[in-house]
Structure formats: C-alpha cells, structure tokens
Protein backbone atom coordinates (compact mmCIF):
# COMPACT_ATOMS: atom_id res chain seq x y z
CA UNK A 1 -10.31 -59.51 50.00
CA UNK A 2 -13.85 -60.74 49.36
CA UNK A 3 -16.60 -57.56 49.45
CA UNK A 4 -20.21 -59.00 50.36
CA UNK A 5 -23.60 -56.20 50.46
CA UNK A 6 -26.50 -57.12 52.80
CA UNK A 7 -28.90 -54.69 51.95
CA UNK A 8 -27.53 -51.53 53.73
CA UNK A 9 -24.68 -53.45 55.52
CA UNK A 10 -21.02 -54.15 54.17
CA UNK A 11 -18.95 -56.92 55.38
CA UNK A 12 -15.11 -57.10 54.37
CA UNK A 13 -13.43 -60.30 54.37
CA UNK A 14 -9.46 -60.55 54.38
CA UNK A 15 -7.38 -63.24 55.47
CA UNK A 16 -4.28 -61.58 57.04
CA UNK A 17 -2.37 -64.76 56.73
CA UNK A 18 -1.44 -68.14 59.09
CA UNK A 19 -1.28 -68.05 62.43
CA UNK A 20 2.17 -68.26 63.50
CA UNK A 21 1.72 -70.37 67.06
CA UNK A 22 -1.01 -72.63 64.84
CA UNK A 23 0.14 -73.31 60.65
CA UNK A 24 -3.78 -74.61 60.64
CA UNK A 25 -5.03 -71.87 61.31
CA UNK A 26 -5.61 -68.89 59.22
CA UNK A 27 -6.26 -65.43 60.70
CA UNK A 28 -9.12 -63.28 58.87
CA UNK A 29 -10.05 -59.92 59.67
CA UNK A 30 -13.75 -59.15 59.24
CA UNK A 31 -14.80 -55.88 59.09
CA UNK A 32 -19.13 -54.90 59.54
CA UNK A 33 -19.96 -51.84 57.69
CA UNK A 34 -23.06 -49.10 57.64
CA UNK A 35 -22.49 -46.00 56.51
CA UNK A 36 -19.40 -44.76 58.87
CA UNK A 37 -20.32 -47.16 61.35
CA UNK A 38 -18.29 -49.69 61.57
CA UNK A 39 -16.77 -52.63 64.07
CA UNK A 40 -13.81 -54.55 62.58
CA UNK A 41 -13.12 -58.19 64.66
CA UNK A 42 -10.03 -60.53 64.14
CA UNK A 43 -11.46 -64.48 63.57
CA UNK A 44 -9.12 -67.53 63.28
CA UNK A 45 -10.45 -70.80 60.63
CA UNK A 46 -8.63 -73.96 59.53
CA UNK A 47 -6.72 -73.51 56.53
CA UNK A 48 -8.17 -74.85 53.65
CA UNK A 49 -9.64 -74.30 49.69
CA UNK A 50 -10.53 -70.77 50.34
CA UNK A 51 -13.15 -69.32 47.96
CA UNK A 52 -15.94 -66.54 47.64
CA UNK A 53 -18.14 -69.41 49.68
CA UNK A 54 -15.86 -69.96 52.43
CA UNK A 55 -15.59 -66.07 52.68
CA UNK A 56 -19.25 -65.97 52.45
CA UNK A 57 -19.97 -68.16 55.06
CA UNK A 58 -17.63 -66.18 57.47
CA UNK A 59 -18.84 -62.83 57.23
CA UNK A 60 -22.38 -64.48 57.27
CA UNK A 61 -21.27 -66.24 61.04
CA UNK A 62 -20.48 -62.63 61.62
CA UNK A 63 -23.22 -60.78 60.75
CA UNK A 64 -25.46 -64.06 62.23
CA UNK A 65 -23.87 -62.68 65.67
CA UNK A 66 -24.21 -59.57 65.42
CA UNK A 67 -27.67 -59.53 64.69
CA UNK A 68 -28.43 -61.56 67.97
CA UNK A 69 -26.35 -59.56 69.91
CA UNK A 70 -28.52 -56.35 68.97
CA UNK A 71 -31.72 -58.43 70.06
CA UNK A 72 -30.38 -58.69 73.60
CA UNK A 73 -27.29 -56.54 73.74
CA UNK A 74 -27.63 -57.21 77.78
CA UNK A 75 -27.74 -60.81 77.51
CA UNK A 76 -25.17 -60.90 75.68
CA UNK A 77 -23.08 -58.25 77.48
CA UNK A 78 -23.64 -60.90 80.89
CA UNK A 79 -22.60 -63.25 78.85
CA UNK A 80 -19.15 -62.36 77.21
CA UNK A 81 -18.98 -60.31 80.82
CA UNK A 82 -18.49 -63.86 82.31
CA UNK A 83 -16.63 -65.52 80.06
CA UNK A 84 -14.08 -62.59 80.58
CA UNK A 85 -13.44 -62.87 76.93
CA UNK A 86 -13.40 -59.36 75.79
CA UNK A 87 -12.79 -56.08 77.46
CA UNK A 88 -15.51 -53.79 78.68
CA UNK A 89 -14.23 -51.39 75.91
CA UNK A 90 -14.98 -53.84 73.74
CA UNK A 91 -18.04 -54.81 75.08
CA UNK A 92 -19.67 -51.63 74.47
CA UNK A 93 -18.09 -51.21 71.33
CA UNK A 94 -19.92 -54.06 70.15
CA UNK A 95 -22.96 -53.27 71.84
CA UNK A 96 -23.22 -49.54 69.62
CA UNK A 97 -22.17 -51.03 66.75
CA UNK A 98 -25.31 -53.57 67.14
CA UNK A 99 -28.14 -50.80 68.18
CA UNK A 100 -26.62 -48.83 65.16
CA UNK A 101 -27.16 -51.45 62.34
CA UNK A 102 -30.27 -52.77 64.18
CA UNK A 103 -32.83 -51.14 62.06
CA UNK A 104 -30.83 -52.60 58.66
CA UNK A 105 -30.80 -55.83 60.34
CA UNK A 106 -33.80 -58.11 59.28
CA UNK A 107 -33.09 -56.86 55.50
CA UNK A 108 -29.40 -57.90 55.88
CA UNK A 109 -30.87 -61.62 57.15
CA UNK A 110 -32.55 -61.98 54.75
CA UNK A 111 -30.37 -61.19 52.08
CA UNK A 112 -27.70 -63.92 53.53
CA UNK A 113 -30.54 -66.48 53.55
CA UNK A 114 -31.47 -65.60 50.00
CA UNK A 115 -27.96 -66.08 48.66
CA UNK A 116 -27.14 -68.88 50.97
CA UNK A 117 -27.99 -71.74 48.35
CA UNK A 118 -26.21 -70.07 45.48
CA UNK A 119 -22.59 -70.22 47.98
CA UNK A 120 -23.59 -73.44 49.23
CA UNK A 121 -22.22 -74.86 45.68
CA UNK A 122 -18.52 -74.21 47.21
CA UNK A 123 -19.14 -77.39 49.34
CA UNK A 124 -21.85 -79.65 47.41
CA UNK A 125 -19.12 -79.12 43.76
CA UNK A 126 -16.29 -77.26 44.79
CA UNK A 127 -16.80 -74.80 42.14
CA UNK A 128 -18.24 -71.52 44.08
CA UNK A 129 -21.00 -69.35 43.02
CA UNK A 130 -21.39 -67.96 39.95
CA UNK A 131 -19.87 -64.73 39.91
CA UNK A 132 -16.91 -66.09 40.86
CA UNK A 133 -16.35 -66.92 37.34
CA UNK A 134 -15.85 -70.90 35.66
CA UNK A 135 -12.57 -70.99 34.09
CA UNK A 136 -12.99 -73.22 30.88
CA UNK A 137 -9.72 -72.14 28.87
CA UNK A 138 -6.78 -72.27 31.77
CA UNK A 139 -4.51 -74.83 32.34
CA UNK A 140 -1.67 -75.05 34.75
CA UNK A 141 1.25 -73.59 33.02
CA UNK A 142 4.46 -75.62 33.04
CA UNK A 143 6.56 -72.44 34.05
CA UNK A 144 6.26 -69.04 34.88
CA UNK A 145 9.34 -66.50 33.58
CA UNK A 146 7.04 -62.79 32.55
CA UNK A 147 4.07 -61.14 33.83
CA UNK A 148 1.46 -62.74 32.09
CA UNK A 149 2.33 -66.10 32.98
CA UNK A 150 2.47 -64.78 36.29
CA UNK A 151 -1.35 -63.79 36.08
CA UNK A 152 -2.01 -66.69 34.71
CA UNK A 153 -0.42 -69.24 37.08
CA UNK A 154 -2.82 -67.43 39.79
CA UNK A 155 -6.50 -67.08 37.53
CA UNK A 156 -5.46 -71.15 38.08
CA UNK A 157 -5.39 -70.91 41.24
CA UNK A 158 -8.30 -68.89 41.62
CA UNK A 159 -10.64 -70.13 39.23
CA UNK A 160 -9.55 -73.62 38.49
CA UNK A 161 -8.10 -74.86 42.09
CA UNK A 162 -10.27 -72.57 43.98
CA UNK A 163 -7.99 -71.75 46.07
CA UNK A 164 -7.74 -68.54 48.51
CA UNK A 165 -4.17 -68.73 48.40
CA UNK A 166 -0.79 -66.63 49.71
CA UNK A 167 2.12 -66.21 47.53
CA UNK A 168 4.10 -66.79 51.11
CA UNK A 169 2.26 -70.27 51.96
CA UNK A 170 3.19 -73.70 51.16
CA UNK A 171 0.78 -75.96 49.00
CA UNK A 172 1.57 -78.97 51.44
CA UNK A 173 0.01 -76.83 54.16
CA UNK A 174 -3.38 -75.86 52.69
CA UNK A 175 -6.54 -78.44 53.56
CA UNK A 176 -10.22 -79.01 52.27
CA UNK A 177 -13.27 -78.29 54.57
CA UNK A 178 -12.64 -81.96 56.40
CA UNK A 179 -9.02 -81.27 57.28
CA UNK A 180 -7.18 -83.09 54.56
CA UNK A 181 -4.91 -82.42 52.10
CA UNK A 182 -5.68 -80.22 49.34
CA UNK A 183 -3.00 -81.07 47.04
CA UNK A 184 -1.34 -84.40 46.56
CA UNK A 185 2.64 -83.99 47.33
CA UNK A 186 3.30 -83.89 43.11
CA UNK A 187 0.36 -81.18 42.95
CA UNK A 188 1.82 -79.42 45.94
CA UNK A 189 5.86 -79.34 44.71
CA UNK A 190 4.63 -78.54 41.08
CA UNK A 191 2.75 -75.14 42.48
CA UNK A 192 5.85 -74.66 45.44
CA UNK A 193 7.82 -74.61 42.00
CA UNK A 194 5.90 -72.28 40.20
CA UNK A 195 5.37 -69.39 42.94
CA UNK A 196 8.99 -70.43 43.24
CA UNK A 197 9.72 -68.92 39.65
CA UNK A 198 6.93 -66.51 40.23
CA UNK A 199 8.94 -64.59 42.55
CA UNK A 200 11.74 -64.46 40.46
CA UNK A 201 10.46 -63.40 37.54
CA UNK A 202 8.56 -60.77 39.30
CA UNK A 203 11.87 -59.65 40.77
CA UNK A 204 13.29 -59.18 37.14
CA UNK A 205 10.57 -57.32 35.47
CA UNK A 206 10.09 -55.02 38.73
CA UNK A 207 6.85 -55.74 39.58
CA UNK A 208 5.15 -56.30 42.76
CA UNK A 209 3.81 -60.23 43.10
CA UNK A 210 1.39 -60.00 46.25
CA UNK A 211 0.06 -56.71 43.98
CA UNK A 212 -0.54 -59.21 41.02
CA UNK A 213 -1.97 -61.61 43.48
CA UNK A 214 -4.29 -58.67 44.67
CA UNK A 215 -5.15 -57.68 41.10
CA UNK A 216 -6.24 -61.41 39.96
CA UNK A 217 -8.34 -62.32 42.51
CA UNK A 218 -10.64 -59.16 42.02
CA UNK A 219 -10.64 -59.26 38.35
CA UNK A 220 -12.09 -63.39 37.89
CA UNK A 221 -14.32 -61.82 40.94
CA UNK A 222 -12.50 -64.60 43.74
CA UNK A 223 -12.65 -61.47 45.67
CA UNK A 224 -15.29 -58.80 45.32
CA UNK A 225 -13.00 -56.03 45.27
CA UNK A 226 -13.87 -53.05 42.86
CA UNK A 227 -11.19 -50.81 43.60
CA UNK A 228 -8.39 -53.11 42.74
CA UNK A 229 -10.65 -54.52 39.73
CA UNK A 230 -10.80 -50.55 38.23
CA UNK A 231 -6.91 -50.05 39.08
CA UNK A 232 -5.43 -52.85 37.53
CA UNK A 233 -3.11 -52.41 34.94
CA UNK A 234 -4.51 -52.86 31.05
CA UNK A 235 -2.41 -55.49 29.91
CA UNK A 236 -3.83 -57.69 32.65
CA UNK A 237 -7.29 -56.59 32.33
CA UNK A 238 -7.18 -57.48 28.67
CA UNK A 239 -5.41 -60.55 29.68
CA UNK A 240 -8.04 -61.73 31.97
CA UNK A 241 -10.54 -61.26 29.31
CA UNK A 242 -9.54 -64.82 27.68
CA UNK A 243 -9.98 -66.95 31.16
CA UNK A 244 -13.52 -67.47 31.87
C-alpha cells in the first residue's frame, strides 16, 4: 500500500489483485480521507511495474476528480445520473465527501503539483522518487531458502526491478506503461522459480509470505506504510539497513 499526504487530506492506494475477467488489469482501492470523513473507490488499471510513482498517479487522478466534483456538484451529479454509472446513494456519498473536503482542496492540489515533477522520475528514468530508496548493493539471488533470502528477493523486486509485485502473480503477466512485457521470458522464469522457492522456504519456517512482502514494501519505502514499517520484526529491520 502507498500512502500520500496532500495538506490535510490523506490518500491510500492499495492494489487488491488482478481482475479475474481481464488478466491485464489490476484492481486498486483508493481511500481519500480527512479526519473521520472518507471516500473509498475501486478502480481498474493496466497491469504494470508498480512503484510509488504509479500509485501517486492514481492518487492524484482520484483527488483531482473529487476536486472537480466539489467545484460543481450539481453539474457532476447530473452527468453521472445521465450516464447511469452510479446509484443515487453513491452519488450522494461522493457529493457529501467532496463538500467536506472542499476547504482543504486548494492546499491539497497545490501539494500534488509541487510533487509531480519528483514522481515523474518514475516514468522518465524508471526509478521513482528519492524516498523510495534506490538499491545499490542488492543482487537477484540464485536461490531462496530462508527468511533473509526471501526478504532480499522481495527488496530486489521493489528497489531494483521497481515492481509492485504480488506473490501469487506470474511474472510473465507484468507489463510496462506502454503495455510491453516488463520481463523477458528468461527473466520472468527466473523470478517465478525464486517465488516458488520463497513460498516453500516460508512454509518450512512457519512464516507468512504475504506479510513479509508487506513489511519489505514498507521498509524499502516502496509503500509508504508507517504502521507496517513499525511492526516489522527486528531481524528484518536490521537486514533492511543493508539494502540502500
């Protein structure tokens, strides 16, 4: 999960998994909140090398849409009603949140514009912003057989491949922003084998592989997640100091 703070408004972007009907699409939940008021949306995006930069784009897109809604709620509601894409209950909920957030929106939108150039590095250079951390010592392991090697494999995926991966996904299905394969067949096969070994090693050690992926994402900065960064076990925190 990636978490962004735009002034007083917080936006959480979480990839929930692939669309079972369209393997080239991923589902994301986007939660926009201020205090106890929030709006949560489900969106679909093309499968790609996910980084903090691509999550930022999703957050900015949804926040900008809500900003427009708050400026002309009646016009927005009329358009959505004509399209028939939302129920009246959903329209009322969005309009309520947009009205609540309207006093905070100018500051939030200024914040998105101020950070846009930083996150553009994700597209121009394939590395993302500095707070993601750029790996300098990591190498793709030849084998994965213990918890440390699991963590280092995941760190490599986040920091070197810049891939917002899910342990259940086939690496052959990943695409870049232009819809091209993110990996060559040989690269995808190597990573699929390592992920299979990671599952086996986690089972032997009695560890939750998905939890390790979340912790590593938080510790590398690939997902801004203070709660999971703080809850990561001490062995993993110590190991993360060697990654950047």
